[in-house]
Amino acid sequence: MTESAVPFRVRIPVRVTDLDAQLHVTGSAYQQFADHARFACVAAAGVSVPDLLAAGLGPVNLELNVRYHRELRADDTVEIDCRWTWSGGKTYRVEHTLTRDDGEVAATVSYVAGLLDLGERKLVADPARVWAEFAKDHALLGLA
């Protein structure tokens, strides 16, 4: 099993659309923060999602787990990291830690994902190999 040695990180300000009536960040916004970080990581690794799709491949989420530790509120900025773990099977994990400016962990978000062959509608057998073919910076995806 291989994992990203140095996780990718991105900072996102909490927007008014992320808030509920009590000015807390909504649960769905935590998932959106993690999704944003993952797509930014893929782009930073040099993967073109349009090229991936043109090749008939698409990433899919199979499982999502969010653990809330400390609240995020209006005017916060959150740092989200992105760590990929490859097991050698059809699935892989992407883990995110969301950290507030004061250093407190606000949440962890983890995905079990796969790479779908869009024609066959089945998971590809070796997603790490396919991601490596499309990526320029393998280390960001834990493939180094």
N, C-alpha and C. Protein backbone atom coordinates (compact mmCIF):
# COMPACT_ATOMS: atom_id res chain seq x y z
N MET A 1 0.84 -1.17 0.00
CA MET A 1 0.00 0.00 0.00
C MET A 1 0.89 1.24 0.00
N THR A 2 0.65 2.16 -0.92
CA THR A 2 1.43 3.39 -0.98
C THR A 2 0.54 4.58 -0.68
N GLU A 3 1.12 5.59 -0.04
CA GLU A 3 0.38 6.79 0.33
C GLU A 3 1.20 8.01 0.00
N SER A 4 0.53 9.11 -0.28
CA SER A 4 1.20 10.38 -0.55
C SER A 4 2.10 10.73 0.62
N ALA A 5 3.39 10.98 0.36
CA ALA A 5 4.33 11.32 1.42
C ALA A 5 4.07 12.72 1.97
N VAL A 6 3.91 13.68 1.09
CA VAL A 6 3.63 15.06 1.50
C VAL A 6 2.28 15.42 0.90
N PRO A 7 1.30 15.64 1.73
CA PRO A 7 -0.03 15.90 1.18
C PRO A 7 -0.12 17.25 0.48
N PHE A 8 -0.96 17.29 -0.52
CA PHE A 8 -1.31 18.53 -1.20
C PHE A 8 -2.20 19.34 -0.25
N ARG A 9 -2.06 20.66 -0.28
CA ARG A 9 -2.89 21.52 0.58
C ARG A 9 -3.43 22.71 -0.20
N VAL A 10 -4.64 23.11 0.15
CA VAL A 10 -5.26 24.29 -0.43
C VAL A 10 -6.06 25.00 0.68
N ARG A 11 -6.11 26.33 0.60
CA ARG A 11 -6.87 27.11 1.59
C ARG A 11 -8.11 27.70 0.92
N ILE A 12 -9.23 27.63 1.64
CA ILE A 12 -10.50 28.12 1.11
C ILE A 12 -11.18 28.96 2.19
N PRO A 13 -11.62 30.17 1.83
CA PRO A 13 -12.41 30.94 2.79
C PRO A 13 -13.83 30.40 2.87
N VAL A 14 -14.40 30.43 4.07
CA VAL A 14 -15.80 30.04 4.24
C VAL A 14 -16.65 31.13 3.60
N ARG A 15 -17.57 30.72 2.74
CA ARG A 15 -18.44 31.67 2.04
C ARG A 15 -19.81 31.69 2.71
N VAL A 16 -20.56 32.72 2.48
CA VAL A 16 -21.89 32.83 3.07
C VAL A 16 -22.77 31.66 2.61
N THR A 17 -22.57 31.16 1.41
CA THR A 17 -23.37 30.04 0.90
C THR A 17 -23.02 28.72 1.58
N ASP A 18 -21.94 28.69 2.36
CA ASP A 18 -21.54 27.49 3.11
C ASP A 18 -22.23 27.41 4.47
N LEU A 19 -22.99 28.45 4.84
CA LEU A 19 -23.50 28.59 6.21
C LEU A 19 -24.96 28.21 6.34
N ASP A 20 -25.31 27.77 7.55
CA ASP A 20 -26.71 27.57 7.90
C ASP A 20 -27.21 28.80 8.63
N ALA A 21 -28.41 28.76 9.13
CA ALA A 21 -29.02 29.92 9.80
C ALA A 21 -28.28 30.32 11.08
N GLN A 22 -27.53 29.40 11.67
CA GLN A 22 -26.78 29.68 12.90
C GLN A 22 -25.35 30.12 12.62
N LEU A 23 -25.04 30.35 11.34
CA LEU A 23 -23.71 30.76 10.87
C LEU A 23 -22.64 29.69 11.07
N HIS A 24 -23.08 28.42 11.14
CA HIS A 24 -22.16 27.28 11.12
C HIS A 24 -22.06 26.79 9.69
N VAL A 25 -20.93 26.20 9.35
CA VAL A 25 -20.78 25.59 8.03
C VAL A 25 -21.67 24.35 7.97
N THR A 26 -22.42 24.22 6.88
CA THR A 26 -23.31 23.08 6.69
C THR A 26 -22.51 21.81 6.42
N GLY A 27 -23.10 20.67 6.70
CA GLY A 27 -22.43 19.40 6.48
C GLY A 27 -22.02 19.19 5.04
N SER A 28 -22.86 19.57 4.10
CA SER A 28 -22.53 19.36 2.68
C SER A 28 -21.35 20.22 2.25
N ALA A 29 -21.11 21.35 2.91
CA ALA A 29 -19.98 22.20 2.55
C ALA A 29 -18.65 21.51 2.87
N TYR A 30 -18.60 20.71 3.94
CA TYR A 30 -17.37 19.98 4.25
C TYR A 30 -17.00 19.06 3.09
N GLN A 31 -18.00 18.37 2.54
CA GLN A 31 -17.77 17.50 1.39
C GLN A 31 -17.33 18.33 0.19
N GLN A 32 -17.94 19.48 -0.03
CA GLN A 32 -17.55 20.33 -1.15
C GLN A 32 -16.13 20.86 -0.99
N PHE A 33 -15.72 21.19 0.24
CA PHE A 33 -14.33 21.62 0.47
C PHE A 33 -13.37 20.49 0.09
N ALA A 34 -13.69 19.26 0.50
CA ALA A 34 -12.83 18.11 0.18
C ALA A 34 -12.81 17.87 -1.33
N ASP A 35 -13.96 17.96 -1.99
CA ASP A 35 -14.02 17.78 -3.43
C ASP A 35 -13.16 18.83 -4.14
N HIS A 36 -13.25 20.07 -3.69
CA HIS A 36 -12.46 21.15 -4.28
C HIS A 36 -10.96 20.84 -4.15
N ALA A 37 -10.55 20.41 -2.96
CA ALA A 37 -9.13 20.10 -2.72
C ALA A 37 -8.68 18.95 -3.61
N ARG A 38 -9.50 17.92 -3.76
CA ARG A 38 -9.13 16.77 -4.58
C ARG A 38 -8.97 17.18 -6.04
N PHE A 39 -9.89 17.97 -6.57
CA PHE A 39 -9.78 18.41 -7.95
C PHE A 39 -8.58 19.34 -8.14
N ALA A 40 -8.30 20.19 -7.15
CA ALA A 40 -7.12 21.05 -7.23
C ALA A 40 -5.85 20.20 -7.20
N CYS A 41 -5.84 19.15 -6.42
CA CYS A 41 -4.69 18.24 -6.35
C CYS A 41 -4.48 17.54 -7.69
N VAL A 42 -5.56 17.05 -8.28
CA VAL A 42 -5.48 16.39 -9.58
C VAL A 42 -4.92 17.35 -10.63
N ALA A 43 -5.40 18.59 -10.63
CA ALA A 43 -4.90 19.58 -11.58
C ALA A 43 -3.43 19.88 -11.32
N ALA A 44 -3.04 20.03 -10.04
CA ALA A 44 -1.64 20.31 -9.71
C ALA A 44 -0.74 19.15 -10.11
N ALA A 45 -1.28 17.93 -10.11
CA ALA A 45 -0.51 16.76 -10.54
C ALA A 45 -0.39 16.67 -12.06
N GLY A 46 -1.06 17.59 -12.76
CA GLY A 46 -0.96 17.65 -14.21
C GLY A 46 -1.97 16.79 -14.94
N VAL A 47 -2.98 16.29 -14.23
CA VAL A 47 -4.00 15.47 -14.87
C VAL A 47 -5.05 16.40 -15.49
N SER A 48 -5.35 16.17 -16.75
CA SER A 48 -6.42 16.89 -17.42
C SER A 48 -7.69 16.04 -17.31
N VAL A 49 -8.67 16.52 -16.56
CA VAL A 49 -9.92 15.77 -16.43
C VAL A 49 -10.61 15.62 -17.79
N PRO A 50 -10.62 16.68 -18.65
CA PRO A 50 -11.20 16.46 -19.99
C PRO A 50 -10.50 15.34 -20.78
N ASP A 51 -9.16 15.23 -20.64
CA ASP A 51 -8.45 14.15 -21.32
C ASP A 51 -8.82 12.79 -20.74
N LEU A 52 -8.98 12.74 -19.43
CA LEU A 52 -9.39 11.50 -18.76
C LEU A 52 -10.77 11.07 -19.27
N LEU A 53 -11.69 12.02 -19.33
CA LEU A 53 -13.04 11.72 -19.81
C LEU A 53 -13.03 11.34 -21.29
N ALA A 54 -12.21 12.02 -22.09
CA ALA A 54 -12.11 11.71 -23.51
C ALA A 54 -11.59 10.29 -23.73
N ALA A 55 -10.79 9.80 -22.79
CA ALA A 55 -10.27 8.43 -22.86
C ALA A 55 -11.31 7.42 -22.36
N GLY A 56 -12.48 7.92 -21.98
CA GLY A 56 -13.55 7.01 -21.54
C GLY A 56 -13.44 6.60 -20.09
N LEU A 57 -12.79 7.44 -19.27
CA LEU A 57 -12.58 7.12 -17.86
C LEU A 57 -13.10 8.25 -16.98
N GLY A 58 -13.66 7.88 -15.84
CA GLY A 58 -14.15 8.89 -14.91
C GLY A 58 -14.00 8.43 -13.47
N PRO A 59 -13.46 9.32 -12.60
CA PRO A 59 -13.38 8.97 -11.19
C PRO A 59 -14.77 8.92 -10.56
N VAL A 60 -14.97 7.95 -9.68
CA VAL A 60 -16.25 7.81 -8.98
C VAL A 60 -16.00 7.61 -7.48
N ASN A 61 -16.87 8.21 -6.69
CA ASN A 61 -16.83 8.01 -5.25
C ASN A 61 -17.75 6.84 -4.91
N LEU A 62 -17.23 5.91 -4.13
CA LEU A 62 -18.00 4.73 -3.74
C LEU A 62 -18.43 4.77 -2.28
N GLU A 63 -17.70 5.54 -1.49
CA GLU A 63 -18.00 5.65 -0.06
C GLU A 63 -17.48 6.99 0.43
N LEU A 64 -18.22 7.61 1.34
CA LEU A 64 -17.85 8.89 1.92
C LEU A 64 -18.04 8.83 3.43
N ASN A 65 -17.04 9.31 4.16
CA ASN A 65 -17.16 9.40 5.61
C ASN A 65 -16.67 10.78 6.06
N VAL A 66 -17.50 11.47 6.82
CA VAL A 66 -17.13 12.77 7.38
C VAL A 66 -17.15 12.65 8.90
N ARG A 67 -16.06 13.05 9.54
CA ARG A 67 -16.00 13.10 11.01
C ARG A 67 -15.79 14.55 11.40
N TYR A 68 -16.71 15.07 12.19
CA TYR A 68 -16.66 16.46 12.63
C TYR A 68 -15.94 16.53 13.97
N HIS A 69 -14.98 17.45 14.07
CA HIS A 69 -14.20 17.61 15.31
C HIS A 69 -14.46 18.96 15.97
N ARG A 70 -14.35 20.03 15.20
CA ARG A 70 -14.57 21.40 15.69
C ARG A 70 -15.35 22.14 14.62
N GLU A 71 -16.17 23.08 15.03
CA GLU A 71 -17.01 23.77 14.05
C GLU A 71 -16.22 24.78 13.22
N LEU A 72 -16.68 24.95 12.01
CA LEU A 72 -16.25 26.04 11.15
C LEU A 72 -17.38 27.04 11.11
N ARG A 73 -17.01 28.32 11.10
CA ARG A 73 -18.03 29.37 11.15
C ARG A 73 -17.75 30.43 10.09
N ALA A 74 -18.65 31.39 10.02
CA ALA A 74 -18.49 32.52 9.11
C ALA A 74 -17.15 33.20 9.39
N ASP A 75 -16.52 33.68 8.34
CA ASP A 75 -15.23 34.39 8.39
C ASP A 75 -14.03 33.49 8.66
N ASP A 76 -14.23 32.16 8.80
CA ASP A 76 -13.09 31.25 8.93
C ASP A 76 -12.47 31.00 7.56
N THR A 77 -11.24 30.60 7.57
CA THR A 77 -10.57 30.05 6.40
C THR A 77 -10.14 28.64 6.79
N VAL A 78 -10.30 27.72 5.88
CA VAL A 78 -9.97 26.33 6.17
C VAL A 78 -8.90 25.84 5.22
N GLU A 79 -7.92 25.11 5.77
CA GLU A 79 -6.90 24.46 4.95
C GLU A 79 -7.29 23.00 4.81
N ILE A 80 -7.30 22.53 3.57
CA ILE A 80 -7.68 21.15 3.30
C ILE A 80 -6.50 20.45 2.65
N ASP A 81 -6.10 19.31 3.23
CA ASP A 81 -5.04 18.53 2.59
C ASP A 81 -5.66 17.36 1.85
N CYS A 82 -4.85 16.72 1.05
CA CYS A 82 -5.33 15.65 0.18
C CYS A 82 -4.24 14.57 0.12
N ARG A 83 -4.57 13.36 0.61
CA ARG A 83 -3.63 12.24 0.63
C ARG A 83 -4.28 11.03 -0.05
N TRP A 84 -3.57 10.46 -0.99
CA TRP A 84 -4.06 9.32 -1.77
C TRP A 84 -3.38 8.05 -1.26
N THR A 85 -4.14 6.98 -1.13
CA THR A 85 -3.60 5.69 -0.72
C THR A 85 -4.06 4.62 -1.71
N TRP A 86 -3.09 3.86 -2.19
CA TRP A 86 -3.34 2.84 -3.21
C TRP A 86 -3.13 1.46 -2.62
N SER A 87 -4.09 0.56 -2.81
CA SER A 87 -4.02 -0.78 -2.23
C SER A 87 -3.68 -1.85 -3.25
N GLY A 88 -3.68 -1.49 -4.52
CA GLY A 88 -3.41 -2.48 -5.55
C GLY A 88 -4.65 -3.11 -6.13
N GLY A 89 -5.81 -2.81 -5.58
CA GLY A 89 -7.06 -3.35 -6.11
C GLY A 89 -7.75 -2.34 -7.02
N LYS A 90 -9.06 -2.52 -7.18
CA LYS A 90 -9.84 -1.64 -8.04
C LYS A 90 -10.19 -0.31 -7.37
N THR A 91 -10.01 -0.22 -6.06
CA THR A 91 -10.36 1.00 -5.35
C THR A 91 -9.12 1.62 -4.70
N TYR A 92 -9.26 2.86 -4.33
CA TYR A 92 -8.21 3.59 -3.62
C TYR A 92 -8.89 4.53 -2.64
N ARG A 93 -8.11 5.10 -1.74
CA ARG A 93 -8.65 6.02 -0.74
C ARG A 93 -8.08 7.41 -0.96
N VAL A 94 -8.90 8.41 -0.71
CA VAL A 94 -8.45 9.80 -0.67
C VAL A 94 -8.92 10.37 0.66
N GLU A 95 -7.95 10.82 1.45
CA GLU A 95 -8.21 11.32 2.80
C GLU A 95 -7.95 12.82 2.85
N HIS A 96 -8.81 13.53 3.55
CA HIS A 96 -8.67 14.98 3.71
C HIS A 96 -8.77 15.33 5.19
N THR A 97 -7.90 16.24 5.62
CA THR A 97 -8.02 16.85 6.94
C THR A 97 -8.30 18.33 6.73
N LEU A 98 -9.36 18.81 7.35
CA LEU A 98 -9.75 20.22 7.25
C LEU A 98 -9.33 20.90 8.55
N THR A 99 -8.46 21.87 8.44
CA THR A 99 -7.86 22.52 9.61
C THR A 99 -8.20 24.00 9.63
N ARG A 100 -8.61 24.48 10.79
CA ARG A 100 -8.91 25.91 10.95
C ARG A 100 -7.62 26.70 11.08
N ASP A 101 -7.74 28.02 10.98
CA ASP A 101 -6.57 28.91 11.12
C ASP A 101 -5.88 28.78 12.47
N ASP A 102 -6.64 28.41 13.51
CA ASP A 102 -6.04 28.29 14.85
C ASP A 102 -5.33 26.94 15.05
N GLY A 103 -5.27 26.12 13.98
CA GLY A 103 -4.58 24.84 14.05
C GLY A 103 -5.47 23.67 14.48
N GLU A 104 -6.69 23.95 14.88
CA GLU A 104 -7.61 22.88 15.29
C GLU A 104 -8.16 22.15 14.06
N VAL A 105 -8.22 20.84 14.16
CA VAL A 105 -8.82 20.05 13.09
C VAL A 105 -10.33 20.21 13.19
N ALA A 106 -10.93 20.68 12.09
CA ALA A 106 -12.38 20.87 12.06
C ALA A 106 -13.08 19.57 11.66
N ALA A 107 -12.49 18.83 10.73
CA ALA A 107 -13.12 17.60 10.25
C ALA A 107 -12.11 16.77 9.47
N THR A 108 -12.44 15.51 9.33
CA THR A 108 -11.73 14.65 8.39
C THR A 108 -12.78 14.10 7.42
N VAL A 109 -12.40 14.04 6.16
CA VAL A 109 -13.28 13.52 5.13
C VAL A 109 -12.49 12.45 4.38
N SER A 110 -13.08 11.28 4.26
CA SER A 110 -12.39 10.20 3.54
C SER A 110 -13.33 9.59 2.51
N TYR A 111 -12.72 9.23 1.39
CA TYR A 111 -13.44 8.61 0.29
C TYR A 111 -12.81 7.28 -0.05
N VAL A 112 -13.63 6.32 -0.41
CA VAL A 112 -13.19 5.16 -1.17
C VAL A 112 -13.66 5.45 -2.58
N ALA A 113 -12.73 5.38 -3.53
CA ALA A 113 -13.04 5.78 -4.90
C ALA A 113 -12.53 4.73 -5.87
N GLY A 114 -12.94 4.89 -7.10
CA GLY A 114 -12.48 4.04 -8.18
C GLY A 114 -12.45 4.84 -9.46
N LEU A 115 -11.98 4.20 -10.50
CA LEU A 115 -11.93 4.82 -11.81
C LEU A 115 -12.82 3.98 -12.72
N LEU A 116 -13.87 4.62 -13.22
CA LEU A 116 -14.89 3.91 -13.99
C LEU A 116 -14.57 3.94 -15.48
N ASP A 117 -14.60 2.76 -16.11
CA ASP A 117 -14.57 2.69 -17.56
C ASP A 117 -15.97 3.08 -18.01
N LEU A 118 -16.10 4.25 -18.64
CA LEU A 118 -17.42 4.80 -18.94
C LEU A 118 -18.16 4.01 -20.01
N GLY A 119 -17.46 3.27 -20.85
CA GLY A 119 -18.11 2.43 -21.86
C GLY A 119 -18.62 1.13 -21.27
N GLU A 120 -17.78 0.49 -20.48
CA GLU A 120 -18.14 -0.80 -19.86
C GLU A 120 -18.99 -0.63 -18.60
N ARG A 121 -18.92 0.57 -18.00
CA ARG A 121 -19.61 0.86 -16.74
C ARG A 121 -19.12 -0.05 -15.62
N LYS A 122 -17.79 -0.30 -15.63
CA LYS A 122 -17.14 -1.13 -14.61
C LYS A 122 -15.88 -0.43 -14.15
N LEU A 123 -15.47 -0.72 -12.92
CA LEU A 123 -14.23 -0.17 -12.40
C LEU A 123 -13.04 -0.77 -13.13
N VAL A 124 -12.03 0.07 -13.42
CA VAL A 124 -10.81 -0.44 -14.04
C VAL A 124 -10.04 -1.25 -13.00
N ALA A 125 -9.30 -2.24 -13.47
CA ALA A 125 -8.62 -3.17 -12.58
C ALA A 125 -7.45 -2.53 -11.83
N ASP A 126 -6.76 -1.59 -12.44
CA ASP A 126 -5.56 -1.00 -11.83
C ASP A 126 -5.61 0.53 -11.96
N PRO A 127 -6.41 1.19 -11.11
CA PRO A 127 -6.56 2.64 -11.26
C PRO A 127 -5.26 3.40 -11.02
N ALA A 128 -4.36 2.90 -10.19
CA ALA A 128 -3.09 3.58 -9.95
C ALA A 128 -2.29 3.70 -11.24
N ARG A 129 -2.26 2.63 -12.02
CA ARG A 129 -1.54 2.65 -13.30
C ARG A 129 -2.13 3.69 -14.24
N VAL A 130 -3.45 3.75 -14.30
CA VAL A 130 -4.12 4.70 -15.21
C VAL A 130 -3.86 6.14 -14.76
N TRP A 131 -4.01 6.42 -13.45
CA TRP A 131 -3.73 7.77 -12.96
C TRP A 131 -2.28 8.14 -13.27
N ALA A 132 -1.37 7.20 -13.11
CA ALA A 132 0.06 7.48 -13.38
C ALA A 132 0.29 7.83 -14.84
N GLU A 133 -0.48 7.22 -15.75
CA GLU A 133 -0.35 7.54 -17.17
C GLU A 133 -0.75 8.98 -17.47
N PHE A 134 -1.72 9.51 -16.73
CA PHE A 134 -2.23 10.85 -16.99
C PHE A 134 -1.52 11.93 -16.18
N ALA A 135 -0.88 11.56 -15.06
CA ALA A 135 -0.27 12.54 -14.15
C ALA A 135 1.16 12.86 -14.56
N LYS A 136 1.54 14.11 -14.34
CA LYS A 136 2.93 14.53 -14.53
C LYS A 136 3.69 14.50 -13.21
N ASP A 137 3.00 14.81 -12.10
CA ASP A 137 3.60 14.79 -10.77
C ASP A 137 2.98 13.64 -9.98
N HIS A 138 3.63 12.49 -10.03
CA HIS A 138 3.08 11.28 -9.39
C HIS A 138 3.05 11.40 -7.87
N ALA A 139 3.97 12.15 -7.29
CA ALA A 139 4.05 12.25 -5.83
C ALA A 139 2.78 12.85 -5.23
N LEU A 140 2.15 13.82 -5.91
CA LEU A 140 0.93 14.42 -5.36
C LEU A 140 -0.20 13.42 -5.25
N LEU A 141 -0.16 12.38 -6.07
CA LEU A 141 -1.20 11.35 -6.05
C LEU A 141 -0.74 10.10 -5.31
N GLY A 142 0.38 10.19 -4.62
CA GLY A 142 0.88 9.05 -3.86
C GLY A 142 1.39 7.93 -4.74
N LEU A 143 1.81 8.26 -5.96
CA LEU A 143 2.22 7.25 -6.92
C LEU A 143 3.74 7.20 -7.11
N ALA A 144 4.48 8.01 -6.36
CA ALA A 144 5.94 8.08 -6.54
C ALA A 144 6.64 6.87 -5.95
